[in-house]
Amino acid sequence: MRKPTTQEIRSFSKNESLVNKRRDQILEGAFKVFIQQGFKATKLRDIAEASGMPEGTIYRYISSKDDILHLICVKYARGRERLNEILTGAGNVSVTDTLRACLRGYFQTCDRGREHNLFFNREIHYFSHEDRRFLLEAQIGVTHFFKDLLDKGIQAGEFQMKSSLAVAHNILMLGHDWGLRRWFLSRHFTLEEYSEIQIELLFKQITTDCNGQGR
C-alpha cells in the first residue's frame, strides 16, 4: 500500500520520543473535538484544552491544524498496514475459508476505526491533495484486495458472480455501513452477529448462478 507523502512538521523539541508522545496526545484531543465540532469550527485552543496542555505548548510540536490532519492520515496509514496484515495473513485451505476469515477481520477493523472513517468521509476536502489521494487509494486498495480474492474463487470453481468488482465494492460499503449506522445496528446486533449475517448473505449471492439457481 502506498504511504502518505511525508510532510516536514516543525518541532522545537529534539527529543523524538517526547515529540511522538506529545503529538499522540494532541491527536487524541484533536480528534475528539473534530468529531464534535467539525474541522473548520475547531480552534487550536479547543484542541489544547481537549489535549490537557497549554495552547503555547502545542505550538512546540505542531504549527497548525493542517499538521494535525496530516498526522491523522499517517496514523491511519499504520492502521491500514495492520488491516493488510490481517487480510494477507488469513490464508486457509480454500478460497472460501480465506474469504470468510478476511471478511471477519475487515468488519472488526471497520468497527475499531468507525470514527476515523466517519471523519474522513465528512472532512476529506480539508486534507491536502496528496493526503486526500492516499485516503481514496486506501479504499480502492481494499476493494481490489477483495476483487482479487473473489476472482481466485471464480477460477477455483468456488464462486459465481456477474461482477467481482461490484461485489468487492459492496463488501467495502458493508464495513463502512456498520461504522456509519452503528448507532442503529448495535441496538439489534452485536458486531459478530452483524458480520455473520452479512457473510452468509454474501455467500448466498456468490454461490448462486445468474439464473438464480443454486449450484
N, C-alpha and C. Protein backbone atom coordinates (compact mmCIF):
# COMPACT_ATOMS: atom_id res chain seq x y z
N MET A 1 0.84 -1.19 0.00
CA MET A 1 0.00 0.00 0.00
C MET A 1 0.87 1.24 0.00
N ARG A 2 0.55 2.21 -0.85
CA ARG A 2 1.30 3.46 -0.89
C ARG A 2 1.09 4.22 0.41
N LYS A 3 2.16 4.81 0.92
CA LYS A 3 2.09 5.57 2.15
C LYS A 3 1.86 7.04 1.83
N PRO A 4 1.25 7.79 2.78
CA PRO A 4 1.07 9.22 2.54
C PRO A 4 2.40 9.92 2.42
N THR A 5 2.47 10.92 1.56
CA THR A 5 3.71 11.67 1.40
C THR A 5 4.10 12.32 2.72
N THR A 6 5.33 12.10 3.15
CA THR A 6 5.77 12.64 4.43
C THR A 6 5.97 14.14 4.34
N GLN A 7 5.30 14.86 5.25
CA GLN A 7 5.46 16.30 5.33
C GLN A 7 6.36 16.63 6.52
N GLU A 8 7.20 17.62 6.33
CA GLU A 8 8.07 18.06 7.43
C GLU A 8 7.24 18.93 8.37
N ILE A 9 7.04 18.46 9.59
CA ILE A 9 6.26 19.20 10.56
C ILE A 9 7.20 19.78 11.60
N ARG A 10 7.14 21.08 11.74
CA ARG A 10 8.08 21.77 12.63
C ARG A 10 7.88 21.34 14.08
N SER A 11 9.02 21.22 14.79
CA SER A 11 9.00 20.96 16.21
C SER A 11 10.17 21.69 16.85
N PHE A 12 9.95 22.25 18.04
CA PHE A 12 11.02 22.94 18.75
C PHE A 12 11.73 22.02 19.75
N SER A 13 11.34 20.76 19.75
CA SER A 13 11.99 19.78 20.62
C SER A 13 12.79 18.80 19.78
N LYS A 14 13.98 18.46 20.24
CA LYS A 14 14.82 17.49 19.54
C LYS A 14 14.68 16.09 20.14
N ASN A 15 13.84 15.97 21.17
CA ASN A 15 13.59 14.68 21.82
C ASN A 15 12.50 13.95 21.03
N GLU A 16 12.89 13.03 20.15
CA GLU A 16 11.94 12.38 19.25
C GLU A 16 10.87 11.62 20.02
N SER A 17 11.27 10.94 21.09
CA SER A 17 10.31 10.18 21.89
C SER A 17 9.26 11.11 22.50
N LEU A 18 9.70 12.25 23.01
CA LEU A 18 8.77 13.21 23.61
C LEU A 18 7.86 13.81 22.54
N VAL A 19 8.44 14.12 21.38
CA VAL A 19 7.64 14.69 20.28
C VAL A 19 6.52 13.72 19.89
N ASN A 20 6.87 12.45 19.74
CA ASN A 20 5.86 11.45 19.36
C ASN A 20 4.78 11.32 20.43
N LYS A 21 5.21 11.33 21.70
CA LYS A 21 4.25 11.22 22.80
C LYS A 21 3.29 12.41 22.82
N ARG A 22 3.84 13.61 22.71
CA ARG A 22 3.00 14.81 22.74
C ARG A 22 2.09 14.88 21.52
N ARG A 23 2.60 14.48 20.36
CA ARG A 23 1.76 14.52 19.15
C ARG A 23 0.62 13.52 19.26
N ASP A 24 0.87 12.36 19.84
CA ASP A 24 -0.21 11.39 20.05
C ASP A 24 -1.26 11.99 20.99
N GLN A 25 -0.81 12.69 22.00
CA GLN A 25 -1.71 13.35 22.95
C GLN A 25 -2.54 14.41 22.24
N ILE A 26 -1.89 15.18 21.38
CA ILE A 26 -2.59 16.22 20.62
C ILE A 26 -3.61 15.59 19.66
N LEU A 27 -3.20 14.51 18.98
CA LEU A 27 -4.09 13.84 18.04
C LEU A 27 -5.34 13.32 18.73
N GLU A 28 -5.15 12.72 19.88
CA GLU A 28 -6.29 12.17 20.62
C GLU A 28 -7.27 13.28 20.99
N GLY A 29 -6.76 14.39 21.51
CA GLY A 29 -7.63 15.51 21.87
C GLY A 29 -8.27 16.14 20.65
N ALA A 30 -7.46 16.34 19.59
CA ALA A 30 -7.97 16.99 18.38
C ALA A 30 -9.09 16.19 17.74
N PHE A 31 -8.90 14.88 17.71
CA PHE A 31 -9.88 14.05 17.03
C PHE A 31 -11.24 14.11 17.74
N LYS A 32 -11.22 14.14 19.07
CA LYS A 32 -12.47 14.25 19.82
C LYS A 32 -13.19 15.55 19.48
N VAL A 33 -12.43 16.65 19.40
CA VAL A 33 -13.04 17.94 19.11
C VAL A 33 -13.50 18.01 17.66
N PHE A 34 -12.70 17.46 16.73
CA PHE A 34 -13.09 17.45 15.32
C PHE A 34 -14.42 16.72 15.12
N ILE A 35 -14.59 15.58 15.81
CA ILE A 35 -15.82 14.81 15.68
C ILE A 35 -17.01 15.61 16.20
N GLN A 36 -16.82 16.33 17.30
CA GLN A 36 -17.91 17.07 17.91
C GLN A 36 -18.23 18.37 17.17
N GLN A 37 -17.19 19.11 16.78
CA GLN A 37 -17.40 20.46 16.24
C GLN A 37 -17.16 20.59 14.74
N GLY A 38 -16.48 19.61 14.16
CA GLY A 38 -16.06 19.74 12.77
C GLY A 38 -14.70 20.41 12.70
N PHE A 39 -13.97 20.13 11.63
CA PHE A 39 -12.61 20.65 11.50
C PHE A 39 -12.59 22.17 11.42
N LYS A 40 -13.46 22.74 10.59
CA LYS A 40 -13.40 24.19 10.34
C LYS A 40 -13.68 25.00 11.59
N ALA A 41 -14.64 24.56 12.41
CA ALA A 41 -15.05 25.33 13.59
C ALA A 41 -14.09 25.16 14.77
N THR A 42 -13.17 24.22 14.67
CA THR A 42 -12.28 23.95 15.80
C THR A 42 -11.09 24.90 15.79
N LYS A 43 -10.78 25.46 16.95
CA LYS A 43 -9.61 26.32 17.14
C LYS A 43 -8.52 25.53 17.86
N LEU A 44 -7.29 26.00 17.70
CA LEU A 44 -6.19 25.32 18.37
C LEU A 44 -6.34 25.37 19.89
N ARG A 45 -6.96 26.41 20.39
CA ARG A 45 -7.17 26.47 21.84
C ARG A 45 -8.15 25.38 22.30
N ASP A 46 -9.11 25.02 21.42
CA ASP A 46 -10.02 23.92 21.74
C ASP A 46 -9.25 22.60 21.83
N ILE A 47 -8.32 22.44 20.88
CA ILE A 47 -7.50 21.22 20.85
C ILE A 47 -6.60 21.17 22.07
N ALA A 48 -6.05 22.32 22.44
CA ALA A 48 -5.18 22.38 23.62
C ALA A 48 -5.94 21.95 24.87
N GLU A 49 -7.15 22.47 25.01
CA GLU A 49 -7.96 22.12 26.18
C GLU A 49 -8.28 20.63 26.20
N ALA A 50 -8.68 20.08 25.04
CA ALA A 50 -9.02 18.66 24.96
C ALA A 50 -7.80 17.77 25.17
N SER A 51 -6.62 18.30 24.85
CA SER A 51 -5.38 17.54 24.98
C SER A 51 -4.78 17.64 26.37
N GLY A 52 -5.30 18.57 27.17
CA GLY A 52 -4.79 18.73 28.52
C GLY A 52 -3.43 19.40 28.58
N MET A 53 -3.20 20.37 27.68
CA MET A 53 -1.93 21.10 27.69
C MET A 53 -2.17 22.55 27.28
N PRO A 54 -1.31 23.46 27.71
CA PRO A 54 -1.46 24.88 27.32
C PRO A 54 -1.34 25.04 25.80
N GLU A 55 -2.05 26.04 25.28
CA GLU A 55 -2.00 26.27 23.83
C GLU A 55 -0.57 26.54 23.37
N GLY A 56 0.20 27.28 24.17
CA GLY A 56 1.58 27.56 23.79
C GLY A 56 2.42 26.31 23.66
N THR A 57 2.12 25.30 24.46
CA THR A 57 2.87 24.03 24.40
C THR A 57 2.60 23.30 23.09
N ILE A 58 1.36 23.37 22.63
CA ILE A 58 1.01 22.70 21.36
C ILE A 58 1.90 23.19 20.22
N TYR A 59 2.19 24.50 20.22
CA TYR A 59 2.99 25.07 19.14
C TYR A 59 4.44 24.59 19.16
N ARG A 60 4.85 23.91 20.23
CA ARG A 60 6.19 23.31 20.26
C ARG A 60 6.26 22.08 19.37
N TYR A 61 5.10 21.48 19.07
CA TYR A 61 5.09 20.20 18.37
C TYR A 61 4.37 20.23 17.02
N ILE A 62 3.51 21.21 16.81
CA ILE A 62 2.85 21.41 15.52
C ILE A 62 2.72 22.92 15.29
N SER A 63 2.44 23.29 14.05
CA SER A 63 2.28 24.72 13.76
C SER A 63 0.87 25.10 13.33
N SER A 64 0.03 24.09 13.00
CA SER A 64 -1.31 24.42 12.50
C SER A 64 -2.22 23.20 12.59
N LYS A 65 -3.51 23.44 12.36
CA LYS A 65 -4.46 22.33 12.29
C LYS A 65 -4.16 21.42 11.11
N ASP A 66 -3.61 22.00 10.04
CA ASP A 66 -3.28 21.19 8.86
C ASP A 66 -2.23 20.14 9.21
N ASP A 67 -1.30 20.48 10.10
CA ASP A 67 -0.32 19.50 10.56
C ASP A 67 -1.02 18.32 11.22
N ILE A 68 -2.04 18.63 12.00
CA ILE A 68 -2.78 17.57 12.70
C ILE A 68 -3.48 16.67 11.70
N LEU A 69 -4.06 17.24 10.65
CA LEU A 69 -4.70 16.42 9.61
C LEU A 69 -3.71 15.44 9.00
N HIS A 70 -2.50 15.93 8.71
CA HIS A 70 -1.50 15.05 8.11
C HIS A 70 -1.11 13.94 9.09
N LEU A 71 -0.95 14.28 10.37
CA LEU A 71 -0.59 13.27 11.36
C LEU A 71 -1.70 12.24 11.52
N ILE A 72 -2.96 12.66 11.42
CA ILE A 72 -4.08 11.72 11.47
C ILE A 72 -3.99 10.76 10.28
N CYS A 73 -3.64 11.31 9.11
CA CYS A 73 -3.51 10.49 7.91
C CYS A 73 -2.38 9.46 8.07
N VAL A 74 -1.26 9.89 8.64
CA VAL A 74 -0.13 8.98 8.87
C VAL A 74 -0.52 7.87 9.83
N LYS A 75 -1.25 8.24 10.89
CA LYS A 75 -1.71 7.24 11.85
C LYS A 75 -2.69 6.26 11.20
N TYR A 76 -3.54 6.78 10.33
CA TYR A 76 -4.48 5.93 9.60
C TYR A 76 -3.73 4.95 8.71
N ALA A 77 -2.64 5.40 8.12
CA ALA A 77 -1.83 4.53 7.26
C ALA A 77 -1.31 3.34 8.05
N ARG A 78 -0.91 3.56 9.31
CA ARG A 78 -0.44 2.45 10.15
C ARG A 78 -1.57 1.45 10.37
N GLY A 79 -2.78 1.97 10.59
CA GLY A 79 -3.94 1.10 10.77
C GLY A 79 -4.23 0.28 9.52
N ARG A 80 -4.06 0.90 8.35
CA ARG A 80 -4.29 0.19 7.10
C ARG A 80 -3.23 -0.90 6.90
N GLU A 81 -2.01 -0.65 7.35
CA GLU A 81 -0.97 -1.68 7.27
C GLU A 81 -1.35 -2.88 8.11
N ARG A 82 -1.94 -2.63 9.28
CA ARG A 82 -2.39 -3.74 10.13
C ARG A 82 -3.54 -4.49 9.48
N LEU A 83 -4.44 -3.75 8.79
CA LEU A 83 -5.52 -4.42 8.06
C LEU A 83 -4.96 -5.30 6.97
N ASN A 84 -3.98 -4.80 6.23
CA ASN A 84 -3.35 -5.61 5.18
C ASN A 84 -2.74 -6.87 5.75
N GLU A 85 -2.12 -6.76 6.94
CA GLU A 85 -1.55 -7.95 7.58
C GLU A 85 -2.63 -8.96 7.93
N ILE A 86 -3.78 -8.45 8.41
CA ILE A 86 -4.90 -9.34 8.73
C ILE A 86 -5.41 -10.03 7.47
N LEU A 87 -5.58 -9.25 6.41
CA LEU A 87 -6.13 -9.80 5.17
C LEU A 87 -5.19 -10.79 4.50
N THR A 88 -3.93 -10.40 4.35
CA THR A 88 -2.98 -11.27 3.65
C THR A 88 -2.55 -12.44 4.51
N GLY A 89 -2.73 -12.37 5.82
CA GLY A 89 -2.32 -13.47 6.70
C GLY A 89 -3.43 -14.43 7.02
N ALA A 90 -4.57 -14.28 6.34
CA ALA A 90 -5.73 -15.11 6.67
C ALA A 90 -5.88 -16.31 5.74
N GLY A 91 -4.80 -16.70 5.08
CA GLY A 91 -4.88 -17.79 4.12
C GLY A 91 -5.24 -19.12 4.76
N ASN A 92 -6.14 -19.87 4.13
CA ASN A 92 -6.55 -21.19 4.59
C ASN A 92 -6.51 -22.14 3.41
N VAL A 93 -7.08 -23.32 3.60
CA VAL A 93 -7.03 -24.34 2.55
C VAL A 93 -7.78 -23.89 1.32
N SER A 94 -8.98 -23.36 1.49
CA SER A 94 -9.80 -22.97 0.34
C SER A 94 -9.96 -21.46 0.26
N VAL A 95 -10.30 -20.98 -0.91
CA VAL A 95 -10.57 -19.55 -1.07
C VAL A 95 -11.79 -19.16 -0.24
N THR A 96 -12.75 -20.06 -0.15
CA THR A 96 -13.96 -19.80 0.65
C THR A 96 -13.60 -19.52 2.10
N ASP A 97 -12.75 -20.35 2.70
CA ASP A 97 -12.35 -20.14 4.09
C ASP A 97 -11.54 -18.87 4.24
N THR A 98 -10.68 -18.61 3.26
CA THR A 98 -9.87 -17.39 3.30
C THR A 98 -10.77 -16.15 3.25
N LEU A 99 -11.77 -16.16 2.38
CA LEU A 99 -12.68 -15.02 2.26
C LEU A 99 -13.44 -14.81 3.56
N ARG A 100 -13.93 -15.87 4.16
CA ARG A 100 -14.65 -15.75 5.43
C ARG A 100 -13.77 -15.11 6.50
N ALA A 101 -12.53 -15.57 6.61
CA ALA A 101 -11.61 -15.03 7.61
C ALA A 101 -11.30 -13.56 7.34
N CYS A 102 -11.11 -13.22 6.08
CA CYS A 102 -10.81 -11.83 5.72
C CYS A 102 -12.00 -10.91 5.99
N LEU A 103 -13.19 -11.39 5.73
CA LEU A 103 -14.38 -10.59 6.00
C LEU A 103 -14.53 -10.31 7.49
N ARG A 104 -14.31 -11.31 8.32
CA ARG A 104 -14.40 -11.09 9.77
C ARG A 104 -13.36 -10.07 10.22
N GLY A 105 -12.13 -10.22 9.71
CA GLY A 105 -11.08 -9.27 10.06
C GLY A 105 -11.40 -7.87 9.59
N TYR A 106 -12.00 -7.76 8.41
CA TYR A 106 -12.35 -6.45 7.86
C TYR A 106 -13.42 -5.78 8.70
N PHE A 107 -14.47 -6.51 9.07
CA PHE A 107 -15.53 -5.93 9.89
C PHE A 107 -15.00 -5.48 11.25
N GLN A 108 -14.10 -6.25 11.84
CA GLN A 108 -13.52 -5.87 13.13
C GLN A 108 -12.71 -4.58 12.99
N THR A 109 -11.96 -4.47 11.89
CA THR A 109 -11.17 -3.27 11.65
C THR A 109 -12.07 -2.05 11.45
N CYS A 110 -13.17 -2.23 10.71
CA CYS A 110 -14.10 -1.13 10.49
C CYS A 110 -14.75 -0.69 11.79
N ASP A 111 -15.00 -1.64 12.69
CA ASP A 111 -15.59 -1.29 13.98
C ASP A 111 -14.61 -0.44 14.79
N ARG A 112 -13.35 -0.85 14.83
CA ARG A 112 -12.35 -0.09 15.60
C ARG A 112 -12.10 1.29 14.99
N GLY A 113 -12.20 1.40 13.67
CA GLY A 113 -11.89 2.66 13.01
C GLY A 113 -13.11 3.43 12.55
N ARG A 114 -14.27 3.15 13.15
CA ARG A 114 -15.52 3.75 12.65
C ARG A 114 -15.52 5.27 12.74
N GLU A 115 -14.97 5.83 13.83
CA GLU A 115 -14.98 7.29 13.95
C GLU A 115 -14.03 7.93 12.94
N HIS A 116 -12.91 7.25 12.65
CA HIS A 116 -11.99 7.78 11.64
C HIS A 116 -12.64 7.79 10.27
N ASN A 117 -13.34 6.72 9.92
CA ASN A 117 -13.99 6.68 8.61
C ASN A 117 -15.07 7.74 8.50
N LEU A 118 -15.81 7.94 9.60
CA LEU A 118 -16.83 8.99 9.61
C LEU A 118 -16.19 10.35 9.40
N PHE A 119 -15.09 10.58 10.09
CA PHE A 119 -14.38 11.85 9.99
C PHE A 119 -13.84 12.07 8.57
N PHE A 120 -13.22 11.04 7.98
CA PHE A 120 -12.66 11.18 6.64
C PHE A 120 -13.75 11.47 5.62
N ASN A 121 -14.88 10.77 5.72
CA ASN A 121 -15.97 10.99 4.77
C ASN A 121 -16.53 12.41 4.87
N ARG A 122 -16.55 12.94 6.09
CA ARG A 122 -17.14 14.25 6.32
C ARG A 122 -16.19 15.40 6.03
N GLU A 123 -14.90 15.19 6.29
CA GLU A 123 -13.94 16.29 6.25
C GLU A 123 -12.83 16.13 5.21
N ILE A 124 -12.98 15.19 4.29
CA ILE A 124 -11.87 14.86 3.40
C ILE A 124 -11.42 16.05 2.55
N HIS A 125 -12.32 16.99 2.27
CA HIS A 125 -11.97 18.14 1.42
C HIS A 125 -10.99 19.09 2.11
N TYR A 126 -10.78 18.93 3.42
CA TYR A 126 -9.82 19.78 4.13
C TYR A 126 -8.39 19.21 4.09
N PHE A 127 -8.24 17.96 3.69
CA PHE A 127 -6.92 17.36 3.62
C PHE A 127 -6.16 17.89 2.41
N SER A 128 -4.83 17.81 2.50
CA SER A 128 -4.02 18.20 1.35
C SER A 128 -4.32 17.28 0.17
N HIS A 129 -3.95 17.71 -1.01
CA HIS A 129 -4.20 16.90 -2.22
C HIS A 129 -3.57 15.52 -2.08
N GLU A 130 -2.33 15.46 -1.60
CA GLU A 130 -1.62 14.18 -1.50
C GLU A 130 -2.26 13.27 -0.45
N ASP A 131 -2.62 13.84 0.70
CA ASP A 131 -3.24 13.03 1.75
C ASP A 131 -4.64 12.56 1.33
N ARG A 132 -5.36 13.42 0.65
CA ARG A 132 -6.69 13.04 0.15
C ARG A 132 -6.56 11.90 -0.87
N ARG A 133 -5.57 12.01 -1.72
CA ARG A 133 -5.33 10.96 -2.71
C ARG A 133 -5.00 9.64 -2.03
N PHE A 134 -4.17 9.70 -0.98
CA PHE A 134 -3.82 8.49 -0.25
C PHE A 134 -5.05 7.84 0.36
N LEU A 135 -5.93 8.63 1.00
CA LEU A 135 -7.11 8.08 1.67
C LEU A 135 -8.04 7.41 0.67
N LEU A 136 -8.22 8.03 -0.49
CA LEU A 136 -9.08 7.44 -1.51
C LEU A 136 -8.46 6.16 -2.08
N GLU A 137 -7.14 6.17 -2.30
CA GLU A 137 -6.48 4.98 -2.81
C GLU A 137 -6.51 3.84 -1.80
N ALA A 138 -6.50 4.17 -0.51
CA ALA A 138 -6.58 3.14 0.52
C ALA A 138 -7.90 2.38 0.41
N GLN A 139 -9.00 3.10 0.16
CA GLN A 139 -10.29 2.45 -0.01
C GLN A 139 -10.30 1.60 -1.27
N ILE A 140 -9.73 2.14 -2.35
CA ILE A 140 -9.66 1.38 -3.59
C ILE A 140 -8.84 0.11 -3.39
N GLY A 141 -7.78 0.21 -2.58
CA GLY A 141 -6.93 -0.94 -2.32
C GLY A 141 -7.68 -2.07 -1.65
N VAL A 142 -8.55 -1.74 -0.69
CA VAL A 142 -9.36 -2.77 -0.02
C VAL A 142 -10.31 -3.41 -1.03
N THR A 143 -10.92 -2.59 -1.87
CA THR A 143 -11.83 -3.11 -2.89
C THR A 143 -11.12 -4.10 -3.80
N HIS A 144 -9.93 -3.74 -4.26
CA HIS A 144 -9.22 -4.62 -5.19
C HIS A 144 -8.67 -5.86 -4.50
N PHE A 145 -8.37 -5.76 -3.20
CA PHE A 145 -7.97 -6.98 -2.48
C PHE A 145 -9.10 -8.00 -2.54
N PHE A 146 -10.33 -7.56 -2.21
CA PHE A 146 -11.45 -8.49 -2.22
C PHE A 146 -11.80 -8.92 -3.64
N LYS A 147 -11.64 -8.04 -4.62
CA LYS A 147 -11.90 -8.43 -6.01
C LYS A 147 -10.95 -9.55 -6.43
N ASP A 148 -9.67 -9.39 -6.10
CA ASP A 148 -8.69 -10.42 -6.46
C ASP A 148 -9.02 -11.75 -5.79
N LEU A 149 -9.46 -11.69 -4.54
CA LEU A 149 -9.80 -12.91 -3.82
C LEU A 149 -11.04 -13.57 -4.42
N LEU A 150 -12.01 -12.76 -4.80
CA LEU A 150 -13.21 -13.29 -5.45
C LEU A 150 -12.86 -13.91 -6.80
N ASP A 151 -11.96 -13.26 -7.54
CA ASP A 151 -11.54 -13.81 -8.84
C ASP A 151 -10.85 -15.17 -8.67
N LYS A 152 -10.07 -15.30 -7.60
CA LYS A 152 -9.44 -16.60 -7.33
C LYS A 152 -10.50 -17.67 -7.06
N GLY A 153 -11.54 -17.26 -6.34
CA GLY A 153 -12.63 -18.20 -6.06
C GLY A 153 -13.37 -18.61 -7.32
N ILE A 154 -13.53 -17.67 -8.24
CA ILE A 154 -14.16 -17.98 -9.53
C ILE A 154 -13.30 -18.96 -10.31
N GLN A 155 -12.00 -18.70 -10.36
CA GLN A 155 -11.09 -19.59 -11.07
C GLN A 155 -11.03 -20.98 -10.46
N ALA A 156 -11.20 -21.04 -9.14
CA ALA A 156 -11.17 -22.33 -8.44
C ALA A 156 -12.51 -23.05 -8.51
N GLY A 157 -13.51 -22.40 -9.09
CA GLY A 157 -14.84 -23.00 -9.19
C GLY A 157 -15.64 -22.92 -7.90
N GLU A 158 -15.20 -22.09 -6.95
CA GLU A 158 -15.91 -21.96 -5.67
C GLU A 158 -16.98 -20.88 -5.70
N PHE A 159 -16.79 -19.86 -6.57
CA PHE A 159 -17.73 -18.74 -6.62
C PHE A 159 -18.27 -18.55 -8.02
N GLN A 160 -19.46 -17.93 -8.10
CA GLN A 160 -20.03 -17.48 -9.36
C GLN A 160 -20.63 -16.11 -9.14
N MET A 161 -20.39 -15.19 -10.06
CA MET A 161 -20.99 -13.85 -9.96
C MET A 161 -20.83 -13.13 -11.29
N LYS A 162 -21.65 -12.14 -11.52
CA LYS A 162 -21.56 -11.38 -12.76
C LYS A 162 -20.38 -10.41 -12.73
N SER A 163 -20.12 -9.81 -11.58
CA SER A 163 -19.05 -8.82 -11.49
C SER A 163 -18.38 -8.91 -10.13
N SER A 164 -17.13 -9.36 -10.12
CA SER A 164 -16.39 -9.43 -8.85
C SER A 164 -16.09 -8.03 -8.32
N LEU A 165 -15.94 -7.05 -9.22
CA LEU A 165 -15.67 -5.68 -8.78
C LEU A 165 -16.88 -5.12 -8.03
N ALA A 166 -18.07 -5.34 -8.55
CA ALA A 166 -19.28 -4.84 -7.89
C ALA A 166 -19.46 -5.50 -6.52
N VAL A 167 -19.20 -6.79 -6.43
CA VAL A 167 -19.33 -7.49 -5.15
C VAL A 167 -18.28 -6.98 -4.16
N ALA A 168 -17.05 -6.77 -4.65
CA ALA A 168 -15.98 -6.26 -3.77
C ALA A 168 -16.33 -4.87 -3.26
N HIS A 169 -16.91 -4.04 -4.11
CA HIS A 169 -17.34 -2.71 -3.69
C HIS A 169 -18.41 -2.82 -2.60
N ASN A 170 -19.33 -3.75 -2.77
CA ASN A 170 -20.38 -3.94 -1.76
C ASN A 170 -19.78 -4.36 -0.42
N ILE A 171 -18.74 -5.19 -0.46
CA ILE A 171 -18.07 -5.60 0.77
C ILE A 171 -17.48 -4.38 1.48
N LEU A 172 -16.80 -3.54 0.71
CA LEU A 172 -16.23 -2.31 1.29
C LEU A 172 -17.31 -1.49 1.99
N MET A 173 -18.46 -1.32 1.36
CA MET A 173 -19.51 -0.48 1.89
C MET A 173 -20.22 -1.12 3.09
N LEU A 174 -20.26 -2.46 3.15
CA LEU A 174 -20.86 -3.13 4.30
C LEU A 174 -20.08 -2.79 5.57
N GLY A 175 -18.75 -2.75 5.45
CA GLY A 175 -17.93 -2.38 6.60
C GLY A 175 -18.15 -0.95 7.00
N HIS A 176 -18.22 -0.05 6.01
CA HIS A 176 -18.45 1.36 6.30
C HIS A 176 -19.85 1.57 6.88
N ASP A 177 -20.81 0.78 6.42
CA ASP A 177 -22.18 0.94 6.89
C ASP A 177 -22.28 0.63 8.37
N TRP A 178 -21.53 -0.38 8.84
CA TRP A 178 -21.53 -0.67 10.27
C TRP A 178 -21.01 0.54 11.05
N GLY A 179 -19.98 1.17 10.55
CA GLY A 179 -19.43 2.33 11.24
C GLY A 179 -20.37 3.52 11.22
N LEU A 180 -20.98 3.79 10.06
CA LEU A 180 -21.83 4.97 9.91
C LEU A 180 -23.18 4.81 10.60
N ARG A 181 -23.67 3.59 10.65
CA ARG A 181 -25.01 3.37 11.24
C ARG A 181 -24.96 2.45 12.46
N ARG A 182 -23.83 2.43 13.11
CA ARG A 182 -23.70 1.60 14.31
C ARG A 182 -24.69 2.03 15.38
N TRP A 183 -25.01 3.32 15.42
CA TRP A 183 -25.97 3.84 16.40
C TRP A 183 -27.30 3.10 16.31
N PHE A 184 -27.66 2.65 15.10
CA PHE A 184 -28.89 1.89 14.90
C PHE A 184 -28.65 0.39 14.95
N LEU A 185 -27.65 -0.07 14.20
CA LEU A 185 -27.42 -1.51 14.06
C LEU A 185 -27.06 -2.17 15.39
N SER A 186 -26.31 -1.45 16.24
CA SER A 186 -25.89 -2.04 17.51
C SER A 186 -27.05 -2.27 18.48
N ARG A 187 -28.20 -1.65 18.20
CA ARG A 187 -29.38 -1.91 19.02
C ARG A 187 -29.94 -3.30 18.75
N HIS A 188 -29.62 -3.84 17.58
CA HIS A 188 -30.21 -5.10 17.15
C HIS A 188 -29.20 -6.24 17.00
N PHE A 189 -27.92 -5.88 16.77
CA PHE A 189 -26.91 -6.91 16.53
C PHE A 189 -25.62 -6.56 17.25
N THR A 190 -24.91 -7.59 17.69
CA THR A 190 -23.51 -7.38 18.05
C THR A 190 -22.71 -7.33 16.76
N LEU A 191 -21.46 -6.89 16.84
CA LEU A 191 -20.61 -6.87 15.65
C LEU A 191 -20.49 -8.27 15.06
N GLU A 192 -20.33 -9.28 15.93
CA GLU A 192 -20.18 -10.66 15.46
C GLU A 192 -21.45 -11.13 14.74
N GLU A 193 -22.62 -10.79 15.29
CA GLU A 193 -23.87 -11.19 14.65
C GLU A 193 -24.03 -10.50 13.30
N TYR A 194 -23.76 -9.21 13.27
CA TYR A 194 -23.85 -8.46 12.02
C TYR A 194 -22.90 -9.05 10.98
N SER A 195 -21.67 -9.34 11.39
CA SER A 195 -20.66 -9.89 10.47
C SER A 195 -21.13 -11.22 9.89
N GLU A 196 -21.61 -12.12 10.75
CA GLU A 196 -22.00 -13.45 10.28
C GLU A 196 -23.22 -13.39 9.37
N ILE A 197 -24.17 -12.51 9.68
CA ILE A 197 -25.35 -12.35 8.81
C ILE A 197 -24.93 -11.85 7.44
N GLN A 198 -24.07 -10.83 7.40
CA GLN A 198 -23.62 -10.28 6.12
C GLN A 198 -22.79 -11.29 5.34
N ILE A 199 -21.97 -12.05 6.04
CA ILE A 199 -21.15 -13.07 5.38
C ILE A 199 -22.03 -14.13 4.74
N GLU A 200 -23.06 -14.59 5.48
CA GLU A 200 -23.94 -15.61 4.93
C GLU A 200 -24.74 -15.07 3.74
N LEU A 201 -25.20 -13.82 3.83
CA LEU A 201 -25.91 -13.22 2.70
C LEU A 201 -25.00 -13.12 1.48
N LEU A 202 -23.76 -12.75 1.71
CA LEU A 202 -22.80 -12.63 0.61
C LEU A 202 -22.57 -13.98 -0.05
N PHE A 203 -22.38 -15.02 0.76
CA PHE A 203 -22.10 -16.33 0.18
C PHE A 203 -23.31 -16.90 -0.56
N LYS A 204 -24.50 -16.55 -0.13
CA LYS A 204 -25.68 -16.97 -0.90
C LYS A 204 -25.67 -16.31 -2.27
N GLN A 205 -25.18 -15.07 -2.32
CA GLN A 205 -25.13 -14.35 -3.58
C GLN A 205 -24.07 -14.90 -4.52
N ILE A 206 -22.88 -15.15 -4.01
CA ILE A 206 -21.78 -15.52 -4.90
C ILE A 206 -21.72 -17.01 -5.21
N THR A 207 -22.55 -17.80 -4.53
CA THR A 207 -22.60 -19.23 -4.88
C THR A 207 -23.89 -19.57 -5.61
N THR A 208 -24.55 -18.55 -6.17
CA THR A 208 -25.76 -18.72 -6.95
C THR A 208 -25.49 -18.25 -8.37
N ASP A 209 -25.94 -19.02 -9.35
CA ASP A 209 -25.65 -18.62 -10.73
C ASP A 209 -26.57 -17.49 -11.17
N CYS A 210 -26.33 -17.00 -12.37
CA CYS A 210 -27.02 -15.81 -12.87
C CYS A 210 -28.53 -16.01 -13.02
N ASN A 211 -28.98 -17.27 -13.11
CA ASN A 211 -30.40 -17.53 -13.26
C ASN A 211 -31.10 -17.73 -11.91
N GLY A 212 -30.30 -17.56 -10.83
CA GLY A 212 -30.88 -17.68 -9.50
C GLY A 212 -30.96 -19.11 -9.02
N GLN A 213 -30.34 -20.05 -9.72
CA GLN A 213 -30.36 -21.45 -9.32
C GLN A 213 -29.11 -21.78 -8.55
N GLY A 214 -29.25 -22.44 -7.39
CA GLY A 214 -28.09 -22.84 -6.60
C GLY A 214 -27.28 -23.87 -7.34
N ARG A 215 -26.01 -23.95 -6.98
CA ARG A 215 -25.15 -24.92 -7.66
C ARG A 215 -25.44 -26.32 -7.16
